[in-house]
Amino acid sequence: MKIYYNPKLKTLSRKLRNNSTLAEILLWNKLKNRKMYGCQFMRQKPIGDYIVDFYCAALKLVIEIDGISHDGKFPVDMKRQQFLESLGLMILRFNDLDVKKDIRNVLRVIEGWIENNPLTPFNKGE
């Protein structure tokens, strides 16, 4: 299935990248430059009419960090998640505080998901 995006989100996506939260910066520093098993992640990636925090096309993986901006928005987040899942994407969600206080465990969860994902297109050092 082809993943499309709304071109009107390009400017907002760039603005979000330039104004990242601390949790986004911390996780991005661990994901960028193919540091996670050689996977190429993008940040603040438009998909459909939404912008996701991190996206790896090869794995069809979206990583979301939920901070205070998500408080009270559970129905909206679930609608968004259902749309992303309808495209065949998997969503891993982490709490902003967990990324800031326990990034090692967050990274272990991501690594475990990648290791067990049948779409992993590369040798994981086995």
C-alpha atoms as a PDB file:
ATOM      1  CA  MET A   1       0.000   0.000   0.000  1.00  0.00           C
ATOM      2  CA  LYS A   2       1.322   3.432  -0.953  1.00  0.00           C
ATOM      3  CA  ILE A   3       1.840   5.903   1.869  1.00  0.00           C
ATOM      4  CA  TYR A   4       0.810   9.419   0.885  1.00  0.00           C
ATOM      5  CA  TYR A   5       0.962  12.690   2.748  1.00  0.00           C
ATOM      6  CA  ASN A   6      -0.771  16.010   2.639  1.00  0.00           C
ATOM      7  CA  PRO A   7       1.746  18.472   1.103  1.00  0.00           C
ATOM      8  CA  LYS A   8       0.217  21.236   3.227  1.00  0.00           C
ATOM      9  CA  LEU A   9       1.867  19.596   6.259  1.00  0.00           C
ATOM     10  CA  LYS A  10       5.420  20.048   4.964  1.00  0.00           C
ATOM     11  CA  THR A  11       5.900  23.483   6.569  1.00  0.00           C
ATOM     12  CA  LEU A  12       4.406  22.378   9.897  1.00  0.00           C
ATOM     13  CA  SER A  13       6.571  19.256   9.851  1.00  0.00           C
ATOM     14  CA  ARG A  14       9.696  21.375   9.415  1.00  0.00           C
ATOM     15  CA  LYS A  15       8.557  23.690  12.224  1.00  0.00           C
ATOM     16  CA  LEU A  16       8.042  20.717  14.559  1.00  0.00           C
ATOM     17  CA  ARG A  17      11.516  19.364  13.724  1.00  0.00           C
ATOM     18  CA  ASN A  18      13.014  22.754  14.588  1.00  0.00           C
ATOM     19  CA  ASN A  19      11.082  22.929  17.878  1.00  0.00           C
ATOM     20  CA  SER A  20      11.432  19.373  19.197  1.00  0.00           C
ATOM     21  CA  THR A  21      10.699  18.435  22.784  1.00  0.00           C
ATOM     22  CA  LEU A  22      13.519  17.185  25.012  1.00  0.00           C
ATOM     23  CA  ALA A  23      12.188  13.615  24.777  1.00  0.00           C
ATOM     24  CA  GLU A  24      12.109  13.827  20.963  1.00  0.00           C
ATOM     25  CA  ILE A  25      15.696  15.118  20.888  1.00  0.00           C
ATOM     26  CA  LEU A  26      16.904  12.377  23.245  1.00  0.00           C
ATOM     27  CA  LEU A  27      15.289   9.611  21.207  1.00  0.00           C
ATOM     28  CA  TRP A  28      16.303  11.159  17.884  1.00  0.00           C
ATOM     29  CA  ASN A  29      19.947  11.118  19.006  1.00  0.00           C
ATOM     30  CA  LYS A  30      19.636   7.333  19.403  1.00  0.00           C
ATOM     31  CA  LEU A  31      17.780   6.739  16.110  1.00  0.00           C
ATOM     32  CA  LYS A  32      19.408   9.133  13.635  1.00  0.00           C
ATOM     33  CA  ASN A  33      22.185   8.134  11.253  1.00  0.00           C
ATOM     34  CA  ARG A  34      20.965   4.529  11.192  1.00  0.00           C
ATOM     35  CA  LYS A  35      22.176   3.910  14.760  1.00  0.00           C
ATOM     36  CA  MET A  36      19.358   1.445  15.465  1.00  0.00           C
ATOM     37  CA  TYR A  37      20.276  -1.744  13.555  1.00  0.00           C
ATOM     38  CA  GLY A  38      20.963   0.274  10.435  1.00  0.00           C
ATOM     39  CA  CYS A  39      17.327   1.398  10.176  1.00  0.00           C
ATOM     40  CA  GLN A  40      16.677   4.792   8.622  1.00  0.00           C
ATOM     41  CA  PHE A  41      14.265   6.770  10.747  1.00  0.00           C
ATOM     42  CA  MET A  42      12.734  10.119   9.832  1.00  0.00           C
ATOM     43  CA  ARG A  43      11.334  12.533  12.368  1.00  0.00           C
ATOM     44  CA  GLN A  44       8.170  14.590  12.202  1.00  0.00           C
ATOM     45  CA  LYS A  45       7.147  12.682   9.076  1.00  0.00           C
ATOM     46  CA  PRO A  46       3.830  13.564   7.407  1.00  0.00           C
ATOM     47  CA  ILE A  47       1.689  10.493   6.732  1.00  0.00           C
ATOM     48  CA  GLY A  48      -1.783  11.106   5.362  1.00  0.00           C
ATOM     49  CA  ASP A  49      -3.182  14.108   7.199  1.00  0.00           C
ATOM     50  CA  TYR A  50      -1.033  13.472  10.285  1.00  0.00           C
ATOM     51  CA  ILE A  51       2.552  14.046  11.362  1.00  0.00           C
ATOM     52  CA  VAL A  52       4.205  11.202  13.276  1.00  0.00           C
ATOM     53  CA  ASP A  53       7.148  11.688  15.620  1.00  0.00           C
ATOM     54  CA  PHE A  54       9.401   9.023  14.052  1.00  0.00           C
ATOM     55  CA  TYR A  55       8.947   6.746  11.048  1.00  0.00           C
ATOM     56  CA  CYS A  56      10.923   3.896   9.499  1.00  0.00           C
ATOM     57  CA  ALA A  57       9.532   3.023   6.057  1.00  0.00           C
ATOM     58  CA  ALA A  58      11.445  -0.269   5.726  1.00  0.00           C
ATOM     59  CA  LEU A  59       9.913  -1.585   8.945  1.00  0.00           C
ATOM     60  CA  LYS A  60       6.549   0.150   8.548  1.00  0.00           C
ATOM     61  CA  LEU A  61       7.113   1.424  12.090  1.00  0.00           C
ATOM     62  CA  VAL A  62       5.858   4.617  13.700  1.00  0.00           C
ATOM     63  CA  ILE A  63       7.188   5.700  17.091  1.00  0.00           C
ATOM     64  CA  GLU A  64       5.153   8.220  19.043  1.00  0.00           C
ATOM     65  CA  ILE A  65       6.121  10.072  22.206  1.00  0.00           C
ATOM     66  CA  ASP A  66       3.083  11.099  24.221  1.00  0.00           C
ATOM     67  CA  GLY A  67       3.653  14.180  26.370  1.00  0.00           C
ATOM     68  CA  ILE A  68       1.306  16.674  27.932  1.00  0.00           C
ATOM     69  CA  SER A  69       0.137  17.785  24.482  1.00  0.00           C
ATOM     70  CA  HIS A  70      -1.695  14.430  24.299  1.00  0.00           C
ATOM     71  CA  ASP A  71      -3.542  14.893  27.612  1.00  0.00           C
ATOM     72  CA  GLY A  72      -7.269  14.675  27.043  1.00  0.00           C
ATOM     73  CA  LYS A  73      -6.819  13.712  23.396  1.00  0.00           C
ATOM     74  CA  PHE A  74      -7.235   9.945  23.657  1.00  0.00           C
ATOM     75  CA  PRO A  75     -10.119   9.757  21.133  1.00  0.00           C
ATOM     76  CA  VAL A  76      -8.171  11.850  18.611  1.00  0.00           C
ATOM     77  CA  ASP A  77      -5.023   9.770  19.158  1.00  0.00           C
ATOM     78  CA  MET A  78      -6.962   6.534  18.670  1.00  0.00           C
ATOM     79  CA  LYS A  79      -8.555   7.789  15.427  1.00  0.00           C
ATOM     80  CA  ARG A  80      -5.096   8.711  14.206  1.00  0.00           C
ATOM     81  CA  GLN A  81      -3.688   5.344  15.276  1.00  0.00           C
ATOM     82  CA  GLN A  82      -6.490   3.472  13.502  1.00  0.00           C
ATOM     83  CA  PHE A  83      -5.731   5.374  10.308  1.00  0.00           C
ATOM     84  CA  LEU A  84      -2.019   4.570  10.542  1.00  0.00           C
ATOM     85  CA  GLU A  85      -2.751   0.914  11.269  1.00  0.00           C
ATOM     86  CA  SER A  86      -5.090   0.794   8.255  1.00  0.00           C
ATOM     87  CA  LEU A  87      -1.992   1.579   6.164  1.00  0.00           C
ATOM     88  CA  GLY A  88      -0.264  -1.475   7.606  1.00  0.00           C
ATOM     89  CA  LEU A  89       1.881   0.523  10.018  1.00  0.00           C
ATOM     90  CA  MET A  90       2.775  -0.555  13.552  1.00  0.00           C
ATOM     91  CA  ILE A  91       2.789   2.097  16.267  1.00  0.00           C
ATOM     92  CA  LEU A  92       4.995   2.019  19.352  1.00  0.00           C
ATOM     93  CA  ARG A  93       3.978   4.601  21.951  1.00  0.00           C
ATOM     94  CA  PHE A  94       6.125   5.873  24.781  1.00  0.00           C
ATOM     95  CA  ASN A  95       5.430   8.351  27.522  1.00  0.00           C
ATOM     96  CA  ASP A  96       7.494  11.533  27.380  1.00  0.00           C
ATOM     97  CA  LEU A  97       8.681  11.021  30.963  1.00  0.00           C
ATOM     98  CA  ASP A  98       9.794   7.436  30.236  1.00  0.00           C
ATOM     99  CA  VAL A  99      11.979   8.655  27.370  1.00  0.00           C
ATOM    100  CA  LYS A 100      13.540  11.310  29.610  1.00  0.00           C
ATOM    101  CA  LYS A 101      14.012   9.144  32.709  1.00  0.00           C
ATOM    102  CA  ASP A 102      14.490   5.612  31.311  1.00  0.00           C
ATOM    103  CA  ILE A 103      15.631   5.832  27.694  1.00  0.00           C
ATOM    104  CA  ARG A 104      17.542   2.543  28.017  1.00  0.00           C
ATOM    105  CA  ASN A 105      14.313   0.644  28.527  1.00  0.00           C
ATOM    106  CA  VAL A 106      12.619   2.550  25.690  1.00  0.00           C
ATOM    107  CA  LEU A 107      15.504   1.577  23.401  1.00  0.00           C
ATOM    108  CA  ARG A 108      15.248  -2.057  24.531  1.00  0.00           C
ATOM    109  CA  VAL A 109      11.571  -2.121  23.567  1.00  0.00           C
ATOM    110  CA  ILE A 110      12.343  -0.677  20.125  1.00  0.00           C
ATOM    111  CA  GLU A 111      15.271  -3.079  19.633  1.00  0.00           C
ATOM    112  CA  GLY A 112      13.116  -6.029  20.673  1.00  0.00           C
ATOM    113  CA  TRP A 113      10.410  -5.032  18.240  1.00  0.00           C
ATOM    114  CA  ILE A 114      12.933  -4.705  15.400  1.00  0.00           C
ATOM    115  CA  GLU A 115      14.571  -8.038  16.247  1.00  0.00           C
ATOM    116  CA  ASN A 116      11.218  -9.803  16.129  1.00  0.00           C
ATOM    117  CA  ASN A 117       9.828  -8.001  13.084  1.00  0.00           C
ATOM    118  CA  PRO A 118       9.635 -10.166   9.952  1.00  0.00           C
ATOM    119  CA  LEU A 119      10.103  -7.044   7.778  1.00  0.00           C
ATOM    120  CA  THR A 120      13.600  -6.422   9.131  1.00  0.00           C
ATOM    121  CA  PRO A 121      15.468  -6.278   5.805  1.00  0.00           C
ATOM    122  CA  PHE A 122      19.022  -6.585   7.034  1.00  0.00           C
ATOM    123  CA  ASN A 123      21.359  -8.743   9.082  1.00  0.00           C
ATOM    124  CA  LYS A 124      21.057  -7.762  12.737  1.00  0.00           C
ATOM    125  CA  GLY A 125      24.562  -8.957  13.612  1.00  0.00           C
ATOM    126  CA  GLU A 126      23.528 -12.564  14.173  1.00  0.00           C
END
